[in-house]
PDB file of N, CA and C in Angstrom:
ATOM      1  N   MET A   1      -6.689  19.413  53.688  1.00  0.00           N
ATOM      2  CA  MET A   1      -6.552  19.936  52.338  1.00  0.00           C
ATOM      3  C   MET A   1      -7.650  20.966  52.101  1.00  0.00           C
ATOM      4  N   SER A   2      -7.278  22.085  51.539  1.00  0.00           N
ATOM      5  CA  SER A   2      -8.252  23.127  51.261  1.00  0.00           C
ATOM      6  C   SER A   2      -9.015  22.821  49.975  1.00  0.00           C
ATOM      7  N   ARG A   3     -10.060  23.564  49.768  1.00  0.00           N
ATOM      8  CA  ARG A   3     -10.817  23.418  48.531  1.00  0.00           C
ATOM      9  C   ARG A   3      -9.959  23.905  47.382  1.00  0.00           C
ATOM     10  N   THR A   4     -10.028  23.191  46.265  1.00  0.00           N
ATOM     11  CA  THR A   4      -9.135  23.521  45.159  1.00  0.00           C
ATOM     12  C   THR A   4      -9.714  24.495  44.152  1.00  0.00           C
ATOM     13  N   LEU A   5     -11.019  24.646  44.101  1.00  0.00           N
ATOM     14  CA  LEU A   5     -11.630  25.459  43.055  1.00  0.00           C
ATOM     15  C   LEU A   5     -11.195  26.920  43.103  1.00  0.00           C
ATOM     16  N   ARG A   6     -10.971  27.455  44.271  1.00  0.00           N
ATOM     17  CA  ARG A   6     -10.545  28.858  44.393  1.00  0.00           C
ATOM     18  C   ARG A   6      -9.096  28.982  44.866  1.00  0.00           C
ATOM     19  N   SER A   7      -8.342  27.911  44.788  1.00  0.00           N
ATOM     20  CA  SER A   7      -6.966  27.920  45.282  1.00  0.00           C
ATOM     21  C   SER A   7      -6.020  28.648  44.326  1.00  0.00           C
ATOM     22  N   ALA A   8      -4.854  28.968  44.833  1.00  0.00           N
ATOM     23  CA  ALA A   8      -3.824  29.615  44.007  1.00  0.00           C
ATOM     24  C   ALA A   8      -3.401  28.697  42.860  1.00  0.00           C
ATOM     25  N   ARG A   9      -3.337  27.415  43.128  1.00  0.00           N
ATOM     26  CA  ARG A   9      -2.966  26.473  42.067  1.00  0.00           C
ATOM     27  C   ARG A   9      -4.038  26.397  40.984  1.00  0.00           C
ATOM     28  N   HIS A  10      -5.291  26.438  41.386  1.00  0.00           N
ATOM     29  CA  HIS A  10      -6.374  26.420  40.395  1.00  0.00           C
ATOM     30  C   HIS A  10      -6.318  27.682  39.539  1.00  0.00           C
ATOM     31  N   GLN A  11      -6.093  28.817  40.179  1.00  0.00           N
ATOM     32  CA  GLN A  11      -5.954  30.080  39.452  1.00  0.00           C
ATOM     33  C   GLN A  11      -4.796  29.995  38.462  1.00  0.00           C
ATOM     34  N   ALA A  12      -3.687  29.435  38.899  1.00  0.00           N
ATOM     35  CA  ALA A  12      -2.521  29.307  38.022  1.00  0.00           C
ATOM     36  C   ALA A  12      -2.807  28.380  36.848  1.00  0.00           C
ATOM     37  N   LEU A  13      -3.560  27.313  37.085  1.00  0.00           N
ATOM     38  CA  LEU A  13      -3.889  26.387  36.003  1.00  0.00           C
ATOM     39  C   LEU A  13      -4.775  27.061  34.965  1.00  0.00           C
ATOM     40  N   LYS A  14      -5.796  27.748  35.401  1.00  0.00           N
ATOM     41  CA  LYS A  14      -6.674  28.398  34.423  1.00  0.00           C
ATOM     42  C   LYS A  14      -5.924  29.497  33.673  1.00  0.00           C
ATOM     43  N   ASP A  15      -5.054  30.232  34.360  1.00  0.00           N
ATOM     44  CA  ASP A  15      -4.229  31.244  33.687  1.00  0.00           C
ATOM     45  C   ASP A  15      -3.308  30.587  32.659  1.00  0.00           C
ATOM     46  N   PHE A  16      -2.733  29.452  33.027  1.00  0.00           N
ATOM     47  CA  PHE A  16      -1.851  28.715  32.120  1.00  0.00           C
ATOM     48  C   PHE A  16      -2.602  28.290  30.860  1.00  0.00           C
ATOM     49  N   LEU A  17      -3.815  27.746  31.038  1.00  0.00           N
ATOM     50  CA  LEU A  17      -4.595  27.285  29.886  1.00  0.00           C
ATOM     51  C   LEU A  17      -4.954  28.436  28.948  1.00  0.00           C
ATOM     52  N   VAL A  18      -5.352  29.563  29.522  1.00  0.00           N
ATOM     53  CA  VAL A  18      -5.681  30.736  28.704  1.00  0.00           C
ATOM     54  C   VAL A  18      -4.433  31.217  27.963  1.00  0.00           C
ATOM     55  N   GLU A  19      -3.328  31.318  28.681  1.00  0.00           N
ATOM     56  CA  GLU A  19      -2.066  31.779  28.090  1.00  0.00           C
ATOM     57  C   GLU A  19      -1.653  30.900  26.923  1.00  0.00           C
ATOM     58  N   ARG A  20      -1.677  29.591  27.128  1.00  0.00           N
ATOM     59  CA  ARG A  20      -1.258  28.668  26.075  1.00  0.00           C
ATOM     60  C   ARG A  20      -2.220  28.687  24.884  1.00  0.00           C
ATOM     61  N   ARG A  21      -3.521  28.810  25.166  1.00  0.00           N
ATOM     62  CA  ARG A  21      -4.504  28.874  24.075  1.00  0.00           C
ATOM     63  C   ARG A  21      -4.254  30.109  23.214  1.00  0.00           C
ATOM     64  N   LYS A  22      -4.043  31.242  23.867  1.00  0.00           N
ATOM     65  CA  LYS A  22      -3.809  32.481  23.139  1.00  0.00           C
ATOM     66  C   LYS A  22      -2.487  32.431  22.366  1.00  0.00           C
ATOM     67  N   GLN A  23      -1.451  31.845  22.978  1.00  0.00           N
ATOM     68  CA  GLN A  23      -0.168  31.704  22.284  1.00  0.00           C
ATOM     69  C   GLN A  23      -0.309  30.839  21.036  1.00  0.00           C
ATOM     70  N   ALA A  24      -1.208  29.864  21.091  1.00  0.00           N
ATOM     71  CA  ALA A  24      -1.442  28.979  19.953  1.00  0.00           C
ATOM     72  C   ALA A  24      -2.333  29.643  18.899  1.00  0.00           C
ATOM     73  N   GLY A  25      -2.878  30.816  19.241  1.00  0.00           N
ATOM     74  CA  GLY A  25      -3.730  31.527  18.297  1.00  0.00           C
ATOM     75  C   GLY A  25      -5.099  30.881  18.122  1.00  0.00           C
ATOM     76  N   LEU A  26      -5.571  30.230  19.185  1.00  0.00           N
ATOM     77  CA  LEU A  26      -6.852  29.531  19.125  1.00  0.00           C
ATOM     78  C   LEU A  26      -7.921  30.270  19.918  1.00  0.00           C
ATOM     79  N   THR A  27      -9.157  30.173  19.454  1.00  0.00           N
ATOM     80  CA  THR A  27     -10.285  30.700  20.201  1.00  0.00           C
ATOM     81  C   THR A  27     -10.819  29.595  21.110  1.00  0.00           C
ATOM     82  N   GLN A  28     -11.661  29.986  22.046  1.00  0.00           N
ATOM     83  CA  GLN A  28     -12.309  28.981  22.890  1.00  0.00           C
ATOM     84  C   GLN A  28     -13.120  28.012  22.035  1.00  0.00           C
ATOM     85  N   ALA A  29     -13.783  28.522  21.016  1.00  0.00           N
ATOM     86  CA  ALA A  29     -14.599  27.673  20.139  1.00  0.00           C
ATOM     87  C   ALA A  29     -13.738  26.656  19.398  1.00  0.00           C
ATOM     88  N   GLU A  30     -12.558  27.067  18.963  1.00  0.00           N
ATOM     89  CA  GLU A  30     -11.668  26.141  18.250  1.00  0.00           C
ATOM     90  C   GLU A  30     -11.158  25.039  19.178  1.00  0.00           C
ATOM     91  N   VAL A  31     -10.814  25.411  20.399  1.00  0.00           N
ATOM     92  CA  VAL A  31     -10.376  24.410  21.376  1.00  0.00           C
ATOM     93  C   VAL A  31     -11.526  23.464  21.693  1.00  0.00           C
ATOM     94  N   ALA A  32     -12.702  24.026  21.888  1.00  0.00           N
ATOM     95  CA  ALA A  32     -13.879  23.201  22.185  1.00  0.00           C
ATOM     96  C   ALA A  32     -14.139  22.194  21.071  1.00  0.00           C
ATOM     97  N   LYS A  33     -14.012  22.616  19.845  1.00  0.00           N
ATOM     98  CA  LYS A  33     -14.226  21.714  18.713  1.00  0.00           C
ATOM     99  C   LYS A  33     -13.238  20.553  18.748  1.00  0.00           C
ATOM    100  N   LYS A  34     -11.973  20.853  19.046  1.00  0.00           N
ATOM    101  CA  LYS A  34     -10.960  19.802  19.147  1.00  0.00           C
ATOM    102  C   LYS A  34     -11.240  18.849  20.299  1.00  0.00           C
ATOM    103  N   LEU A  35     -11.847  19.393  21.370  1.00  0.00           N
ATOM    104  CA  LEU A  35     -12.181  18.577  22.539  1.00  0.00           C
ATOM    105  C   LEU A  35     -13.516  17.844  22.368  1.00  0.00           C
ATOM    106  N   ARG A  36     -14.232  18.195  21.293  1.00  0.00           N
ATOM    107  CA  ARG A  36     -15.586  17.669  21.063  1.00  0.00           C
ATOM    108  C   ARG A  36     -16.523  18.045  22.215  1.00  0.00           C
ATOM    109  N   ARG A  37     -16.391  19.302  22.622  1.00  0.00           N
ATOM    110  CA  ARG A  37     -17.219  19.867  23.693  1.00  0.00           C
ATOM    111  C   ARG A  37     -17.778  21.195  23.186  1.00  0.00           C
ATOM    112  N   TYR A  38     -18.654  21.781  23.976  1.00  0.00           N
ATOM    113  CA  TYR A  38     -19.186  23.099  23.656  1.00  0.00           C
ATOM    114  C   TYR A  38     -18.205  24.172  24.099  1.00  0.00           C
ATOM    115  N   GLN A  39     -18.301  25.335  23.452  1.00  0.00           N
ATOM    116  CA  GLN A  39     -17.454  26.473  23.817  1.00  0.00           C
ATOM    117  C   GLN A  39     -17.682  26.851  25.267  1.00  0.00           C
ATOM    118  N   SER A  40     -18.894  26.684  25.762  1.00  0.00           N
ATOM    119  CA  SER A  40     -19.195  27.042  27.146  1.00  0.00           C
ATOM    120  C   SER A  40     -18.396  26.195  28.140  1.00  0.00           C
ATOM    121  N   PHE A  41     -18.043  24.965  27.764  1.00  0.00           N
ATOM    122  CA  PHE A  41     -17.197  24.116  28.618  1.00  0.00           C
ATOM    123  C   PHE A  41     -15.827  24.779  28.798  1.00  0.00           C
ATOM    124  N   VAL A  42     -15.231  25.200  27.700  1.00  0.00           N
ATOM    125  CA  VAL A  42     -13.928  25.858  27.765  1.00  0.00           C
ATOM    126  C   VAL A  42     -14.043  27.154  28.561  1.00  0.00           C
ATOM    127  N   ALA A  43     -15.112  27.897  28.354  1.00  0.00           N
ATOM    128  CA  ALA A  43     -15.315  29.155  29.080  1.00  0.00           C
ATOM    129  C   ALA A  43     -15.430  28.927  30.583  1.00  0.00           C
ATOM    130  N   THR A  44     -16.128  27.874  31.001  1.00  0.00           N
ATOM    131  CA  THR A  44     -16.258  27.627  32.439  1.00  0.00           C
ATOM    132  C   THR A  44     -14.943  27.185  33.062  1.00  0.00           C
ATOM    133  N   VAL A  45     -14.135  26.449  32.302  1.00  0.00           N
ATOM    134  CA  VAL A  45     -12.807  26.061  32.790  1.00  0.00           C
ATOM    135  C   VAL A  45     -11.935  27.309  32.921  1.00  0.00           C
ATOM    136  N   GLU A  46     -11.882  28.096  31.854  1.00  0.00           N
ATOM    137  CA  GLU A  46     -11.044  29.296  31.861  1.00  0.00           C
ATOM    138  C   GLU A  46     -11.545  30.349  32.844  1.00  0.00           C
ATOM    139  N   GLY A  47     -12.826  30.337  33.115  1.00  0.00           N
ATOM    140  CA  GLY A  47     -13.397  31.297  34.062  1.00  0.00           C
ATOM    141  C   GLY A  47     -13.263  30.865  35.508  1.00  0.00           C
ATOM    142  N   GLY A  48     -12.800  29.642  35.724  1.00  0.00           N
ATOM    143  CA  GLY A  48     -12.566  29.168  37.081  1.00  0.00           C
ATOM    144  C   GLY A  48     -13.769  28.555  37.766  1.00  0.00           C
ATOM    145  N   GLN A  49     -14.849  28.328  37.020  1.00  0.00           N
ATOM    146  CA  GLN A  49     -16.034  27.746  37.637  1.00  0.00           C
ATOM    147  C   GLN A  49     -16.018  26.217  37.616  1.00  0.00           C
ATOM    148  N   ARG A  50     -15.023  25.630  36.973  1.00  0.00           N
ATOM    149  CA  ARG A  50     -14.973  24.182  36.837  1.00  0.00           C
ATOM    150  C   ARG A  50     -13.552  23.691  37.036  1.00  0.00           C
ATOM    151  N   LYS A  51     -13.419  22.593  37.766  1.00  0.00           N
ATOM    152  CA  LYS A  51     -12.111  21.959  37.946  1.00  0.00           C
ATOM    153  C   LYS A  51     -11.728  21.195  36.683  1.00  0.00           C
ATOM    154  N   VAL A  52     -10.442  20.948  36.537  1.00  0.00           N
ATOM    155  CA  VAL A  52      -9.928  20.155  35.434  1.00  0.00           C
ATOM    156  C   VAL A  52      -9.224  18.947  36.031  1.00  0.00           C
ATOM    157  N   ASP A  53      -9.659  17.753  35.656  1.00  0.00           N
ATOM    158  CA  ASP A  53      -8.960  16.567  36.152  1.00  0.00           C
ATOM    159  C   ASP A  53      -7.776  16.268  35.236  1.00  0.00           C
ATOM    160  N   VAL A  54      -6.977  15.307  35.611  1.00  0.00           N
ATOM    161  CA  VAL A  54      -5.743  15.026  34.871  1.00  0.00           C
ATOM    162  C   VAL A  54      -6.030  14.564  33.441  1.00  0.00           C
ATOM    163  N   VAL A  55      -7.087  13.809  33.244  1.00  0.00           N
ATOM    164  CA  VAL A  55      -7.436  13.348  31.896  1.00  0.00           C
ATOM    165  C   VAL A  55      -7.835  14.541  31.026  1.00  0.00           C
ATOM    166  N   GLU A  56      -8.580  15.474  31.611  1.00  0.00           N
ATOM    167  CA  GLU A  56      -8.963  16.676  30.875  1.00  0.00           C
ATOM    168  C   GLU A  56      -7.750  17.556  30.590  1.00  0.00           C
ATOM    169  N   LEU A  57      -6.819  17.632  31.528  1.00  0.00           N
ATOM    170  CA  LEU A  57      -5.595  18.399  31.294  1.00  0.00           C
ATOM    171  C   LEU A  57      -4.844  17.837  30.091  1.00  0.00           C
ATOM    172  N   LEU A  58      -4.764  16.522  30.003  1.00  0.00           N
ATOM    173  CA  LEU A  58      -4.108  15.899  28.848  1.00  0.00           C
ATOM    174  C   LEU A  58      -4.840  16.229  27.558  1.00  0.00           C
ATOM    175  N   ALA A  59      -6.155  16.227  27.597  1.00  0.00           N
ATOM    176  CA  ALA A  59      -6.946  16.565  26.409  1.00  0.00           C
ATOM    177  C   ALA A  59      -6.720  18.018  25.998  1.00  0.00           C
ATOM    178  N   PHE A  60      -6.692  18.930  26.978  1.00  0.00           N
ATOM    179  CA  PHE A  60      -6.400  20.327  26.670  1.00  0.00           C
ATOM    180  C   PHE A  60      -5.005  20.457  26.057  1.00  0.00           C
ATOM    181  N   ALA A  61      -4.049  19.747  26.603  1.00  0.00           N
ATOM    182  CA  ALA A  61      -2.680  19.802  26.084  1.00  0.00           C
ATOM    183  C   ALA A  61      -2.631  19.360  24.627  1.00  0.00           C
ATOM    184  N   GLU A  62      -3.321  18.292  24.316  1.00  0.00           N
ATOM    185  CA  GLU A  62      -3.345  17.807  22.933  1.00  0.00           C
ATOM    186  C   GLU A  62      -4.066  18.790  22.012  1.00  0.00           C
ATOM    187  N   ALA A  63      -5.175  19.345  22.484  1.00  0.00           N
ATOM    188  CA  ALA A  63      -5.964  20.265  21.664  1.00  0.00           C
ATOM    189  C   ALA A  63      -5.226  21.574  21.398  1.00  0.00           C
ATOM    190  N   ILE A  64      -4.537  22.070  22.413  1.00  0.00           N
ATOM    191  CA  ILE A  64      -3.863  23.364  22.297  1.00  0.00           C
ATOM    192  C   ILE A  64      -2.434  23.208  21.766  1.00  0.00           C
ATOM    193  N   GLY A  65      -1.808  22.089  22.129  1.00  0.00           N
ATOM    194  CA  GLY A  65      -0.448  21.848  21.657  1.00  0.00           C
ATOM    195  C   GLY A  65       0.627  22.268  22.633  1.00  0.00           C
ATOM    196  N   PHE A  66       0.493  21.849  23.882  1.00  0.00           N
ATOM    197  CA  PHE A  66       1.545  22.115  24.867  1.00  0.00           C
ATOM    198  C   PHE A  66       1.857  20.829  25.615  1.00  0.00           C
ATOM    199  N   ASP A  67       2.997  20.830  26.285  1.00  0.00           N
ATOM    200  CA  ASP A  67       3.420  19.685  27.090  1.00  0.00           C
ATOM    201  C   ASP A  67       2.762  19.809  28.463  1.00  0.00           C
ATOM    202  N   PRO A  68       1.926  18.840  28.846  1.00  0.00           N
ATOM    203  CA  PRO A  68       1.234  18.961  30.135  1.00  0.00           C
ATOM    204  C   PRO A  68       2.184  19.007  31.327  1.00  0.00           C
ATOM    205  N   ARG A  69       3.407  18.526  31.136  1.00  0.00           N
ATOM    206  CA  ARG A  69       4.387  18.593  32.224  1.00  0.00           C
ATOM    207  C   ARG A  69       4.725  20.039  32.572  1.00  0.00           C
ATOM    208  N   GLU A  70       4.596  20.944  31.583  1.00  0.00           N
ATOM    209  CA  GLU A  70       4.812  22.370  31.847  1.00  0.00           C
ATOM    210  C   GLU A  70       3.807  22.877  32.879  1.00  0.00           C
ATOM    211  N   ALA A  71       2.556  22.484  32.710  1.00  0.00           N
ATOM    212  CA  ALA A  71       1.505  22.915  33.643  1.00  0.00           C
ATOM    213  C   ALA A  71       1.775  22.362  35.033  1.00  0.00           C
ATOM    214  N   ILE A  72       2.103  21.082  35.109  1.00  0.00           N
ATOM    215  CA  ILE A  72       2.370  20.446  36.398  1.00  0.00           C
ATOM    216  C   ILE A  72       3.560  21.120  37.084  1.00  0.00           C
ATOM    217  N   LYS A  73       4.598  21.400  36.325  1.00  0.00           N
ATOM    218  CA  LYS A  73       5.780  22.048  36.889  1.00  0.00           C
ATOM    219  C   LYS A  73       5.429  23.430  37.443  1.00  0.00           C
ATOM    220  N   ARG A  74       4.643  24.188  36.690  1.00  0.00           N
ATOM    221  CA  ARG A  74       4.255  25.525  37.154  1.00  0.00           C
ATOM    222  C   ARG A  74       3.401  25.443  38.418  1.00  0.00           C
ATOM    223  N   LEU A  75       2.462  24.506  38.438  1.00  0.00           N
ATOM    224  CA  LEU A  75       1.583  24.367  39.605  1.00  0.00           C
ATOM    225  C   LEU A  75       2.333  23.848  40.827  1.00  0.00           C
ATOM    226  N   SER A  76       3.306  22.989  40.594  1.00  0.00           N
ATOM    227  CA  SER A  76       4.090  22.439  41.704  1.00  0.00           C
ATOM    228  C   SER A  76       4.916  23.499  42.417  1.00  0.00           C
ATOM    229  N   ALA A  77       5.244  24.559  41.706  1.00  0.00           N
ATOM    230  CA  ALA A  77       6.050  25.637  42.293  1.00  0.00           C
ATOM    231  C   ALA A  77       5.235  26.544  43.209  1.00  0.00           C
ATOM    232  N   ILE A  78       3.931  26.404  43.187  1.00  0.00           N
ATOM    233  CA  ILE A  78       3.052  27.234  44.004  1.00  0.00           C
ATOM    234  C   ILE A  78       2.717  26.499  45.287  1.00  0.00           C
ATOM    235  N   LYS A  79       2.870  27.188  46.399  1.00  0.00           N
ATOM    236  CA  LYS A  79       2.537  26.582  47.688  1.00  0.00           C
ATOM    237  C   LYS A  79       1.035  26.401  47.786  1.00  0.00           C
ATOM    238  N   PRO A  80       0.584  25.259  48.309  1.00  0.00           N
ATOM    239  CA  PRO A  80      -0.857  25.055  48.482  1.00  0.00           C
ATOM    240  C   PRO A  80      -1.438  26.073  49.463  1.00  0.00           C
ATOM    241  N   ASP A  81      -2.706  26.411  49.260  1.00  0.00           N
ATOM    242  CA  ASP A  81      -3.401  27.353  50.151  1.00  0.00           C
ATOM    243  C   ASP A  81      -3.612  26.742  51.518  1.00  0.00           C
TER     244      ASP A  81
END
C-alpha cells in the first residue's frame, strides 16, 4: 500500500471537502467553529497536510451538510496509486 497523504484519493478527498464547503457558503472559520476546532485545522486538512480519518469525515459531513457516502463513492472510483 502506498502512502496516502499525497495519493490521488487524498487529493480527491481534500478537493471534495473544499468543494462542498464552498457550495454550502461556509468559510473555513465557520466549519472550524462547528467542529469545535481552530480554523488552522480546517486549513491543514484542505491544504493536504493532514489526513482525515473516518470519524473526522463524518464530522465534516455534519458540519458542512453533505452525505459522507458521496465522498466515499467519489474516492472509490479513483484507482489507488
